[in-house]
Amino acid sequence: MVTKGLLNLWATDRGTFPVVFLATLALTAALGNAARYLVNNPDVCLDKSKRNNFMHYEDDQGAEWRARRFRFANIKKNAINQSAQFDPAFEKEENKDVTR
């Protein structure tokens, strides 16, 4: 009976709908990011055969993961990502499609 009263209170107050919507949106974004990281990161070993092998992924998998981070960091140009200290990163093969 108390549960029905609490549900009725939440369902009838119009101010709770934005709170529930934003909480659901935040939960969905967090779960999506966690799933993307678990599936795509080469350091995560869900397969038991890879857990005992320290060299369990190839160089191209790590390069692809780093390239995503590099592309994301260079979406908007600024003084940090355009400085000369990042010249070696721009010269890597996986970062050739990122322009200054």
PDB file of N, CA and C in Angstrom:
ATOM      1  N   MET A   1       0.822  -1.194   0.000  1.00  0.00           N
ATOM      2  CA  MET A   1       0.000   0.000   0.000  1.00  0.00           C
ATOM      3  C   MET A   1       0.866   1.258   0.000  1.00  0.00           C
ATOM      4  N   VAL A   2       1.962   1.220   0.736  1.00  0.00           N
ATOM      5  CA  VAL A   2       2.861   2.368   0.739  1.00  0.00           C
ATOM      6  C   VAL A   2       3.513   2.524  -0.632  1.00  0.00           C
ATOM      7  N   THR A   3       3.844   1.411  -1.274  1.00  0.00           N
ATOM      8  CA  THR A   3       4.461   1.453  -2.594  1.00  0.00           C
ATOM      9  C   THR A   3       3.522   2.076  -3.608  1.00  0.00           C
ATOM     10  N   LYS A   4       2.247   1.733  -3.527  1.00  0.00           N
ATOM     11  CA  LYS A   4       1.280   2.305  -4.456  1.00  0.00           C
ATOM     12  C   LYS A   4       1.156   3.807  -4.244  1.00  0.00           C
ATOM     13  N   GLY A   5       1.206   4.255  -3.007  1.00  0.00           N
ATOM     14  CA  GLY A   5       1.136   5.682  -2.721  1.00  0.00           C
ATOM     15  C   GLY A   5       2.360   6.423  -3.229  1.00  0.00           C
ATOM     16  N   LEU A   6       3.537   5.812  -3.087  1.00  0.00           N
ATOM     17  CA  LEU A   6       4.759   6.434  -3.568  1.00  0.00           C
ATOM     18  C   LEU A   6       4.780   6.493  -5.093  1.00  0.00           C
ATOM     19  N   LEU A   7       4.360   5.419  -5.742  1.00  0.00           N
ATOM     20  CA  LEU A   7       4.285   5.406  -7.198  1.00  0.00           C
ATOM     21  C   LEU A   7       3.272   6.434  -7.693  1.00  0.00           C
ATOM     22  N   ASN A   8       2.149   6.541  -7.023  1.00  0.00           N
ATOM     23  CA  ASN A   8       1.133   7.526  -7.391  1.00  0.00           C
ATOM     24  C   ASN A   8       1.674   8.943  -7.218  1.00  0.00           C
ATOM     25  N   LEU A   9       2.436   9.173  -6.164  1.00  0.00           N
ATOM     26  CA  LEU A   9       3.023  10.488  -5.935  1.00  0.00           C
ATOM     27  C   LEU A   9       4.006  10.846  -7.055  1.00  0.00           C
ATOM     28  N   TRP A  10       4.865   9.904  -7.457  1.00  0.00           N
ATOM     29  CA  TRP A  10       5.833  10.156  -8.516  1.00  0.00           C
ATOM     30  C   TRP A  10       5.152  10.298  -9.872  1.00  0.00           C
ATOM     31  N   ALA A  11       4.106   9.550 -10.115  1.00  0.00           N
ATOM     32  CA  ALA A  11       3.449   9.576 -11.420  1.00  0.00           C
ATOM     33  C   ALA A  11       2.570  10.810 -11.606  1.00  0.00           C
ATOM     34  N   THR A  12       2.110  11.404 -10.540  1.00  0.00           N
ATOM     35  CA  THR A  12       1.214  12.550 -10.677  1.00  0.00           C
ATOM     36  C   THR A  12       1.934  13.891 -10.611  1.00  0.00           C
ATOM     37  N   ASP A  13       3.141  13.921 -10.107  1.00  0.00           N
ATOM     38  CA  ASP A  13       3.886  15.175 -10.021  1.00  0.00           C
ATOM     39  C   ASP A  13       4.632  15.406 -11.333  1.00  0.00           C
ATOM     40  N   ARG A  14       4.303  16.478 -12.036  1.00  0.00           N
ATOM     41  CA  ARG A  14       4.910  16.746 -13.341  1.00  0.00           C
ATOM     42  C   ARG A  14       6.383  17.113 -13.221  1.00  0.00           C
ATOM     43  N   GLY A  15       6.826  17.540 -12.077  1.00  0.00           N
ATOM     44  CA  GLY A  15       8.227  17.916 -11.887  1.00  0.00           C
ATOM     45  C   GLY A  15       9.171  16.730 -11.843  1.00  0.00           C
ATOM     46  N   THR A  16       8.626  15.532 -11.659  1.00  0.00           N
ATOM     47  CA  THR A  16       9.499  14.357 -11.595  1.00  0.00           C
ATOM     48  C   THR A  16       9.861  13.819 -12.973  1.00  0.00           C
ATOM     49  N   PHE A  17       9.096  14.145 -13.990  1.00  0.00           N
ATOM     50  CA  PHE A  17       9.365  13.595 -15.317  1.00  0.00           C
ATOM     51  C   PHE A  17      10.734  14.010 -15.870  1.00  0.00           C
ATOM     52  N   PRO A  18      11.145  15.272 -15.771  1.00  0.00           N
ATOM     53  CA  PRO A  18      12.503  15.607 -16.238  1.00  0.00           C
ATOM     54  C   PRO A  18      13.594  14.893 -15.439  1.00  0.00           C
ATOM     55  N   VAL A  19      13.378  14.712 -14.145  1.00  0.00           N
ATOM     56  CA  VAL A  19      14.367  14.020 -13.315  1.00  0.00           C
ATOM     57  C   VAL A  19      14.505  12.569 -13.756  1.00  0.00           C
ATOM     58  N   VAL A  20      13.390  11.901 -13.957  1.00  0.00           N
ATOM     59  CA  VAL A  20      13.414  10.505 -14.393  1.00  0.00           C
ATOM     60  C   VAL A  20      14.009  10.402 -15.794  1.00  0.00           C
ATOM     61  N   PHE A  21      13.658  11.321 -16.669  1.00  0.00           N
ATOM     62  CA  PHE A  21      14.190  11.304 -18.030  1.00  0.00           C
ATOM     63  C   PHE A  21      15.706  11.484 -18.038  1.00  0.00           C
ATOM     64  N   LEU A  22      16.210  12.465 -17.299  1.00  0.00           N
ATOM     65  CA  LEU A  22      17.652  12.711 -17.276  1.00  0.00           C
ATOM     66  C   LEU A  22      18.415  11.581 -16.591  1.00  0.00           C
ATOM     67  N   ALA A  23      17.842  11.009 -15.542  1.00  0.00           N
ATOM     68  CA  ALA A  23      18.496   9.871 -14.887  1.00  0.00           C
ATOM     69  C   ALA A  23      18.558   8.670 -15.825  1.00  0.00           C
ATOM     70  N   THR A  24      17.496   8.433 -16.582  1.00  0.00           N
ATOM     71  CA  THR A  24      17.490   7.333 -17.555  1.00  0.00           C
ATOM     72  C   THR A  24      18.490   7.595 -18.670  1.00  0.00           C
ATOM     73  N   LEU A  25      18.565   8.826 -19.136  1.00  0.00           N
ATOM     74  CA  LEU A  25      19.526   9.188 -20.175  1.00  0.00           C
ATOM     75  C   LEU A  25      20.963   9.002 -19.686  1.00  0.00           C
ATOM     76  N   ALA A  26      21.255   9.431 -18.466  1.00  0.00           N
ATOM     77  CA  ALA A  26      22.600   9.278 -17.912  1.00  0.00           C
ATOM     78  C   ALA A  26      22.959   7.807 -17.727  1.00  0.00           C
ATOM     79  N   LEU A  27      22.018   7.010 -17.263  1.00  0.00           N
ATOM     80  CA  LEU A  27      22.265   5.579 -17.087  1.00  0.00           C
ATOM     81  C   LEU A  27      22.513   4.900 -18.431  1.00  0.00           C
ATOM     82  N   THR A  28      21.740   5.261 -19.438  1.00  0.00           N
ATOM     83  CA  THR A  28      21.925   4.688 -20.774  1.00  0.00           C
ATOM     84  C   THR A  28      23.287   5.063 -21.349  1.00  0.00           C
ATOM     85  N   ALA A  29      23.697   6.315 -21.179  1.00  0.00           N
ATOM     86  CA  ALA A  29      25.004   6.752 -21.680  1.00  0.00           C
ATOM     87  C   ALA A  29      26.136   6.038 -20.953  1.00  0.00           C
ATOM     88  N   ALA A  30      26.012   5.874 -19.647  1.00  0.00           N
ATOM     89  CA  ALA A  30      27.057   5.192 -18.879  1.00  0.00           C
ATOM     90  C   ALA A  30      27.161   3.722 -19.270  1.00  0.00           C
ATOM     91  N   LEU A  31      26.038   3.056 -19.428  1.00  0.00           N
ATOM     92  CA  LEU A  31      26.056   1.648 -19.829  1.00  0.00           C
ATOM     93  C   LEU A  31      26.590   1.480 -21.250  1.00  0.00           C
ATOM     94  N   GLY A  32      26.239   2.384 -22.133  1.00  0.00           N
ATOM     95  CA  GLY A  32      26.755   2.324 -23.500  1.00  0.00           C
ATOM     96  C   GLY A  32      28.258   2.522 -23.555  1.00  0.00           C
ATOM     97  N   ASN A  33      28.760   3.472 -22.773  1.00  0.00           N
ATOM     98  CA  ASN A  33      30.199   3.708 -22.733  1.00  0.00           C
ATOM     99  C   ASN A  33      30.933   2.517 -22.125  1.00  0.00           C
ATOM    100  N   ALA A  34      30.389   1.932 -21.075  1.00  0.00           N
ATOM    101  CA  ALA A  34      31.010   0.754 -20.462  1.00  0.00           C
ATOM    102  C   ALA A  34      31.022  -0.426 -21.421  1.00  0.00           C
ATOM    103  N   ALA A  35      29.937  -0.637 -22.134  1.00  0.00           N
ATOM    104  CA  ALA A  35      29.878  -1.742 -23.098  1.00  0.00           C
ATOM    105  C   ALA A  35      30.860  -1.517 -24.242  1.00  0.00           C
ATOM    106  N   ARG A  36      30.953  -0.294 -24.735  1.00  0.00           N
ATOM    107  CA  ARG A  36      31.908   0.018 -25.807  1.00  0.00           C
ATOM    108  C   ARG A  36      33.337  -0.241 -25.347  1.00  0.00           C
ATOM    109  N   TYR A  37      33.648   0.159 -24.134  1.00  0.00           N
ATOM    110  CA  TYR A  37      34.991  -0.033 -23.605  1.00  0.00           C
ATOM    111  C   TYR A  37      35.298  -1.516 -23.423  1.00  0.00           C
ATOM    112  N   LEU A  38      34.356  -2.282 -22.885  1.00  0.00           N
ATOM    113  CA  LEU A  38      34.586  -3.713 -22.669  1.00  0.00           C
ATOM    114  C   LEU A  38      34.725  -4.484 -23.973  1.00  0.00           C
ATOM    115  N   VAL A  39      34.014  -4.073 -24.990  1.00  0.00           N
ATOM    116  CA  VAL A  39      34.049  -4.802 -26.257  1.00  0.00           C
ATOM    117  C   VAL A  39      35.246  -4.386 -27.110  1.00  0.00           C
ATOM    118  N   ASN A  40      35.596  -3.104 -27.132  1.00  0.00           N
ATOM    119  CA  ASN A  40      36.588  -2.606 -28.082  1.00  0.00           C
ATOM    120  C   ASN A  40      38.000  -2.451 -27.544  1.00  0.00           C
ATOM    121  N   ASN A  41      38.190  -2.283 -26.247  1.00  0.00           N
ATOM    122  CA  ASN A  41      39.521  -2.046 -25.714  1.00  0.00           C
ATOM    123  C   ASN A  41      40.360  -3.312 -25.803  1.00  0.00           C
ATOM    124  N   PRO A  42      41.555  -3.235 -26.400  1.00  0.00           N
ATOM    125  CA  PRO A  42      42.380  -4.440 -26.518  1.00  0.00           C
ATOM    126  C   PRO A  42      42.959  -4.909 -25.189  1.00  0.00           C
ATOM    127  N   ASP A  43      42.956  -4.079 -24.155  1.00  0.00           N
ATOM    128  CA  ASP A  43      43.477  -4.494 -22.857  1.00  0.00           C
ATOM    129  C   ASP A  43      42.494  -5.338 -22.061  1.00  0.00           C
ATOM    130  N   VAL A  44      41.233  -5.346 -22.432  1.00  0.00           N
ATOM    131  CA  VAL A  44      40.223  -6.134 -21.726  1.00  0.00           C
ATOM    132  C   VAL A  44      40.189  -7.532 -22.331  1.00  0.00           C
ATOM    133  N   CYS A  45      40.370  -8.540 -21.490  1.00  0.00           N
ATOM    134  CA  CYS A  45      40.407  -9.939 -21.954  1.00  0.00           C
ATOM    135  C   CYS A  45      39.205 -10.689 -21.396  1.00  0.00           C
ATOM    136  N   LEU A  46      38.144 -10.770 -22.157  1.00  0.00           N
ATOM    137  CA  LEU A  46      37.001 -11.568 -21.743  1.00  0.00           C
ATOM    138  C   LEU A  46      37.207 -13.039 -22.081  1.00  0.00           C
ATOM    139  N   ASP A  47      38.093 -13.320 -23.023  1.00  0.00           N
ATOM    140  CA  ASP A  47      38.409 -14.684 -23.426  1.00  0.00           C
ATOM    141  C   ASP A  47      39.470 -15.251 -22.478  1.00  0.00           C
ATOM    142  N   LYS A  48      39.210 -16.416 -21.881  1.00  0.00           N
ATOM    143  CA  LYS A  48      40.138 -16.985 -20.911  1.00  0.00           C
ATOM    144  C   LYS A  48      41.473 -17.365 -21.525  1.00  0.00           C
ATOM    145  N   SER A  49      41.498 -17.683 -22.797  1.00  0.00           N
ATOM    146  CA  SER A  49      42.758 -18.082 -23.430  1.00  0.00           C
ATOM    147  C   SER A  49      43.735 -16.913 -23.546  1.00  0.00           C
ATOM    148  N   LYS A  50      43.244 -15.691 -23.533  1.00  0.00           N
ATOM    149  CA  LYS A  50      44.114 -14.522 -23.661  1.00  0.00           C
ATOM    150  C   LYS A  50      44.608 -13.999 -22.314  1.00  0.00           C
ATOM    151  N   ARG A  51      44.028 -14.436 -21.220  1.00  0.00           N
ATOM    152  CA  ARG A  51      44.352 -13.848 -19.922  1.00  0.00           C
ATOM    153  C   ARG A  51      45.768 -14.149 -19.452  1.00  0.00           C
ATOM    154  N   ASN A  52      46.299 -15.315 -19.745  1.00  0.00           N
ATOM    155  CA  ASN A  52      47.640 -15.667 -19.291  1.00  0.00           C
ATOM    156  C   ASN A  52      48.729 -15.203 -20.241  1.00  0.00           C
ATOM    157  N   ASN A  53      48.371 -14.717 -21.393  1.00  0.00           N
ATOM    158  CA  ASN A  53      49.336 -14.248 -22.376  1.00  0.00           C
ATOM    159  C   ASN A  53      49.426 -12.726 -22.287  1.00  0.00           C
ATOM    160  N   PHE A  54      50.591 -12.220 -21.916  1.00  0.00           N
ATOM    161  CA  PHE A  54      50.745 -10.777 -21.764  1.00  0.00           C
ATOM    162  C   PHE A  54      50.729 -10.051 -23.105  1.00  0.00           C
ATOM    163  N   MET A  55      51.097 -10.736 -24.158  1.00  0.00           N
ATOM    164  CA  MET A  55      51.083 -10.149 -25.498  1.00  0.00           C
ATOM    165  C   MET A  55      49.855 -10.658 -26.246  1.00  0.00           C
ATOM    166  N   HIS A  56      48.687 -10.396 -25.703  1.00  0.00           N
ATOM    167  CA  HIS A  56      47.453 -10.997 -26.209  1.00  0.00           C
ATOM    168  C   HIS A  56      46.817 -10.239 -27.358  1.00  0.00           C
ATOM    169  N   TYR A  57      47.334  -9.106 -27.737  1.00  0.00           N
ATOM    170  CA  TYR A  57      46.763  -8.408 -28.881  1.00  0.00           C
ATOM    171  C   TYR A  57      47.867  -7.940 -29.816  1.00  0.00           C
ATOM    172  N   GLU A  58      47.475  -7.688 -31.010  1.00  0.00           N
ATOM    173  CA  GLU A  58      48.413  -7.259 -32.047  1.00  0.00           C
ATOM    174  C   GLU A  58      48.609  -5.743 -31.982  1.00  0.00           C
ATOM    175  N   ASP A  59      49.666  -5.279 -32.617  1.00  0.00           N
ATOM    176  CA  ASP A  59      49.964  -3.846 -32.616  1.00  0.00           C
ATOM    177  C   ASP A  59      48.872  -3.024 -33.279  1.00  0.00           C
ATOM    178  N   ASP A  60      48.247  -3.574 -34.316  1.00  0.00           N
ATOM    179  CA  ASP A  60      47.226  -2.796 -35.019  1.00  0.00           C
ATOM    180  C   ASP A  60      45.985  -2.567 -34.165  1.00  0.00           C
ATOM    181  N   GLN A  61      45.672  -3.488 -33.251  1.00  0.00           N
ATOM    182  CA  GLN A  61      44.529  -3.273 -32.356  1.00  0.00           C
ATOM    183  C   GLN A  61      44.808  -2.116 -31.399  1.00  0.00           C
ATOM    184  N   GLY A  62      46.007  -2.078 -30.833  1.00  0.00           N
ATOM    185  CA  GLY A  62      46.371  -0.975 -29.947  1.00  0.00           C
ATOM    186  C   GLY A  62      46.453   0.343 -30.683  1.00  0.00           C
ATOM    187  N   ALA A  63      46.970   0.294 -31.911  1.00  0.00           N
ATOM    188  CA  ALA A  63      47.077   1.517 -32.708  1.00  0.00           C
ATOM    189  C   ALA A  63      45.697   2.062 -33.051  1.00  0.00           C
ATOM    190  N   GLU A  64      44.765   1.173 -33.356  1.00  0.00           N
ATOM    191  CA  GLU A  64      43.404   1.613 -33.669  1.00  0.00           C
ATOM    192  C   GLU A  64      42.738   2.246 -32.449  1.00  0.00           C
ATOM    193  N   TRP A  65      42.952   1.660 -31.268  1.00  0.00           N
ATOM    194  CA  TRP A  65      42.374   2.213 -30.035  1.00  0.00           C
ATOM    195  C   TRP A  65      42.971   3.591 -29.750  1.00  0.00           C
ATOM    196  N   ARG A  66      44.278   3.749 -29.911  1.00  0.00           N
ATOM    197  CA  ARG A  66      44.924   5.046 -29.693  1.00  0.00           C
ATOM    198  C   ARG A  66      44.482   6.069 -30.733  1.00  0.00           C
ATOM    199  N   ALA A  67      44.264   5.624 -31.966  1.00  0.00           N
ATOM    200  CA  ALA A  67      43.852   6.546 -33.025  1.00  0.00           C
ATOM    201  C   ALA A  67      42.482   7.141 -32.729  1.00  0.00           C
ATOM    202  N   ARG A  68      41.579   6.354 -32.167  1.00  0.00           N
ATOM    203  CA  ARG A  68      40.256   6.902 -31.796  1.00  0.00           C
ATOM    204  C   ARG A  68      40.404   8.017 -30.778  1.00  0.00           C
ATOM    205  N   ARG A  69      41.250   7.772 -29.776  1.00  0.00           N
ATOM    206  CA  ARG A  69      41.463   8.781 -28.747  1.00  0.00           C
ATOM    207  C   ARG A  69      42.099  10.031 -29.350  1.00  0.00           C
ATOM    208  N   PHE A  70      43.031   9.846 -30.271  1.00  0.00           N
ATOM    209  CA  PHE A  70      43.705  10.971 -30.916  1.00  0.00           C
ATOM    210  C   PHE A  70      42.732  11.777 -31.769  1.00  0.00           C
ATOM    211  N   ARG A  71      41.867  11.090 -32.519  1.00  0.00           N
ATOM    212  CA  ARG A  71      40.869  11.803 -33.331  1.00  0.00           C
ATOM    213  C   ARG A  71      39.908  12.581 -32.439  1.00  0.00           C
ATOM    214  N   PHE A  72      39.486  11.973 -31.335  1.00  0.00           N
ATOM    215  CA  PHE A  72      38.573  12.659 -30.423  1.00  0.00           C
ATOM    216  C   PHE A  72      39.245  13.888 -29.807  1.00  0.00           C
ATOM    217  N   ALA A  73      40.523  13.786 -29.469  1.00  0.00           N
ATOM    218  CA  ALA A  73      41.239  14.912 -28.866  1.00  0.00           C
ATOM    219  C   ALA A  73      41.436  16.054 -29.849  1.00  0.00           C
ATOM    220  N   ASN A  74      41.379  15.769 -31.141  1.00  0.00           N
ATOM    221  CA  ASN A  74      41.618  16.794 -32.159  1.00  0.00           C
ATOM    222  C   ASN A  74      40.352  17.239 -32.871  1.00  0.00           C
ATOM    223  N   ILE A  75      39.203  17.007 -32.282  1.00  0.00           N
ATOM    224  CA  ILE A  75      37.956  17.473 -32.895  1.00  0.00           C
ATOM    225  C   ILE A  75      37.964  18.995 -32.997  1.00  0.00           C
ATOM    226  N   LYS A  76      38.324  19.627 -31.900  1.00  0.00           N
ATOM    227  CA  LYS A  76      38.403  21.086 -31.894  1.00  0.00           C
ATOM    228  C   LYS A  76      39.864  21.481 -31.731  1.00  0.00           C
ATOM    229  N   LYS A  77      40.344  22.307 -32.630  1.00  0.00           N
ATOM    230  CA  LYS A  77      41.741  22.729 -32.596  1.00  0.00           C
ATOM    231  C   LYS A  77      41.955  23.717 -31.457  1.00  0.00           C
ATOM    232  N   ASN A  78      43.070  23.541 -30.730  1.00  0.00           N
ATOM    233  CA  ASN A  78      43.438  24.471 -29.677  1.00  0.00           C
ATOM    234  C   ASN A  78      44.958  24.513 -29.564  1.00  0.00           C
ATOM    235  N   ALA A  79      45.459  25.339 -28.672  1.00  0.00           N
ATOM    236  CA  ALA A  79      46.907  25.520 -28.558  1.00  0.00           C
ATOM    237  C   ALA A  79      47.613  24.254 -28.086  1.00  0.00           C
ATOM    238  N   ILE A  80      46.944  23.430 -27.324  1.00  0.00           N
ATOM    239  CA  ILE A  80      47.585  22.221 -26.802  1.00  0.00           C
ATOM    240  C   ILE A  80      47.737  21.169 -27.890  1.00  0.00           C
ATOM    241  N   ASN A  81      46.644  20.831 -28.577  1.00  0.00           N
ATOM    242  CA  ASN A  81      46.755  19.748 -29.558  1.00  0.00           C
ATOM    243  C   ASN A  81      47.409  20.187 -30.864  1.00  0.00           C
ATOM    244  N   GLN A  82      47.696  21.467 -31.022  1.00  0.00           N
ATOM    245  CA  GLN A  82      48.376  21.943 -32.225  1.00  0.00           C
ATOM    246  C   GLN A  82      49.842  22.290 -31.965  1.00  0.00           C
ATOM    247  N   SER A  83      50.334  22.052 -30.756  1.00  0.00           N
ATOM    248  CA  SER A  83      51.720  22.399 -30.446  1.00  0.00           C
ATOM    249  C   SER A  83      52.690  21.416 -31.098  1.00  0.00           C
ATOM    250  N   ALA A  84      53.946  21.812 -31.145  1.00  0.00           N
ATOM    251  CA  ALA A  84      54.975  21.008 -31.824  1.00  0.00           C
ATOM    252  C   ALA A  84      55.252  19.692 -31.107  1.00  0.00           C
ATOM    253  N   GLN A  85      54.906  19.579 -29.844  1.00  0.00           N
ATOM    254  CA  GLN A  85      55.176  18.327 -29.127  1.00  0.00           C
ATOM    255  C   GLN A  85      54.321  17.174 -29.644  1.00  0.00           C
ATOM    256  N   PHE A  86      53.269  17.458 -30.390  1.00  0.00           N
ATOM    257  CA  PHE A  86      52.419  16.409 -30.944  1.00  0.00           C
ATOM    258  C   PHE A  86      52.769  16.063 -32.389  1.00  0.00           C
ATOM    259  N   ASP A  87      53.852  16.625 -32.926  1.00  0.00           N
ATOM    260  CA  ASP A  87      54.263  16.303 -34.299  1.00  0.00           C
ATOM    261  C   ASP A  87      54.484  14.806 -34.512  1.00  0.00           C
ATOM    262  N   PRO A  88      55.164  14.091 -33.598  1.00  0.00           N
ATOM    263  CA  PRO A  88      55.314  12.638 -33.807  1.00  0.00           C
ATOM    264  C   PRO A  88      53.983  11.890 -33.826  1.00  0.00           C
ATOM    265  N   ALA A  89      53.015  12.355 -33.068  1.00  0.00           N
ATOM    266  CA  ALA A  89      51.701  11.696 -33.061  1.00  0.00           C
ATOM    267  C   ALA A  89      50.980  11.904 -34.388  1.00  0.00           C
ATOM    268  N   PHE A  90      51.112  13.087 -34.974  1.00  0.00           N
ATOM    269  CA  PHE A  90      50.475  13.348 -36.268  1.00  0.00           C
ATOM    270  C   PHE A  90      51.136  12.556 -37.392  1.00  0.00           C
ATOM    271  N   GLU A  91      52.402  12.166 -37.216  1.00  0.00           N
ATOM    272  CA  GLU A  91      53.124  11.433 -38.251  1.00  0.00           C
ATOM    273  C   GLU A  91      52.836   9.935 -38.242  1.00  0.00           C
ATOM    274  N   LYS A  92      52.214   9.416 -37.194  1.00  0.00           N
ATOM    275  CA  LYS A  92      51.911   7.981 -37.139  1.00  0.00           C
ATOM    276  C   LYS A  92      50.902   7.611 -38.220  1.00  0.00           C
ATOM    277  N   GLU A  93      51.020   6.393 -38.690  1.00  0.00           N
ATOM    278  CA  GLU A  93      50.177   5.929 -39.796  1.00  0.00           C
ATOM    279  C   GLU A  93      48.691   5.964 -39.431  1.00  0.00           C
ATOM    280  N   GLU A  94      48.344   5.583 -38.202  1.00  0.00           N
ATOM    281  CA  GLU A  94      46.925   5.545 -37.829  1.00  0.00           C
ATOM    282  C   GLU A  94      46.317   6.933 -37.669  1.00  0.00           C
ATOM    283  N   ASN A  95      47.159   7.983 -37.613  1.00  0.00           N
ATOM    284  CA  ASN A  95      46.662   9.350 -37.434  1.00  0.00           C
ATOM    285  C   ASN A  95      46.782  10.190 -38.695  1.00  0.00           C
ATOM    286  N   LYS A  96      47.018   9.574 -39.837  1.00  0.00           N
ATOM    287  CA  LYS A  96      47.202  10.326 -41.081  1.00  0.00           C
ATOM    288  C   LYS A  96      45.938  11.062 -41.515  1.00  0.00           C
ATOM    289  N   ASP A  97      44.775  10.575 -41.130  1.00  0.00           N
ATOM    290  CA  ASP A  97      43.531  11.232 -41.559  1.00  0.00           C
ATOM    291  C   ASP A  97      43.170  12.443 -40.706  1.00  0.00           C
ATOM    292  N   VAL A  98      43.894  12.690 -39.612  1.00  0.00           N
ATOM    293  CA  VAL A  98      43.644  13.858 -38.765  1.00  0.00           C
ATOM    294  C   VAL A  98      44.488  15.007 -39.297  1.00  0.00           C
ATOM    295  N   THR A  99      43.825  16.114 -39.616  1.00  0.00           N
ATOM    296  CA  THR A  99      44.542  17.269 -40.159  1.00  0.00           C
ATOM    297  C   THR A  99      44.687  18.341 -39.100  1.00  0.00           C
ATOM    298  N   ARG A 100      45.692  19.155 -39.284  1.00  0.00           N
ATOM    299  CA  ARG A 100      45.922  20.257 -38.344  1.00  0.00           C
ATOM    300  C   ARG A 100      45.171  21.480 -38.753  1.00  0.00           C
TER     301      ARG A 100
END
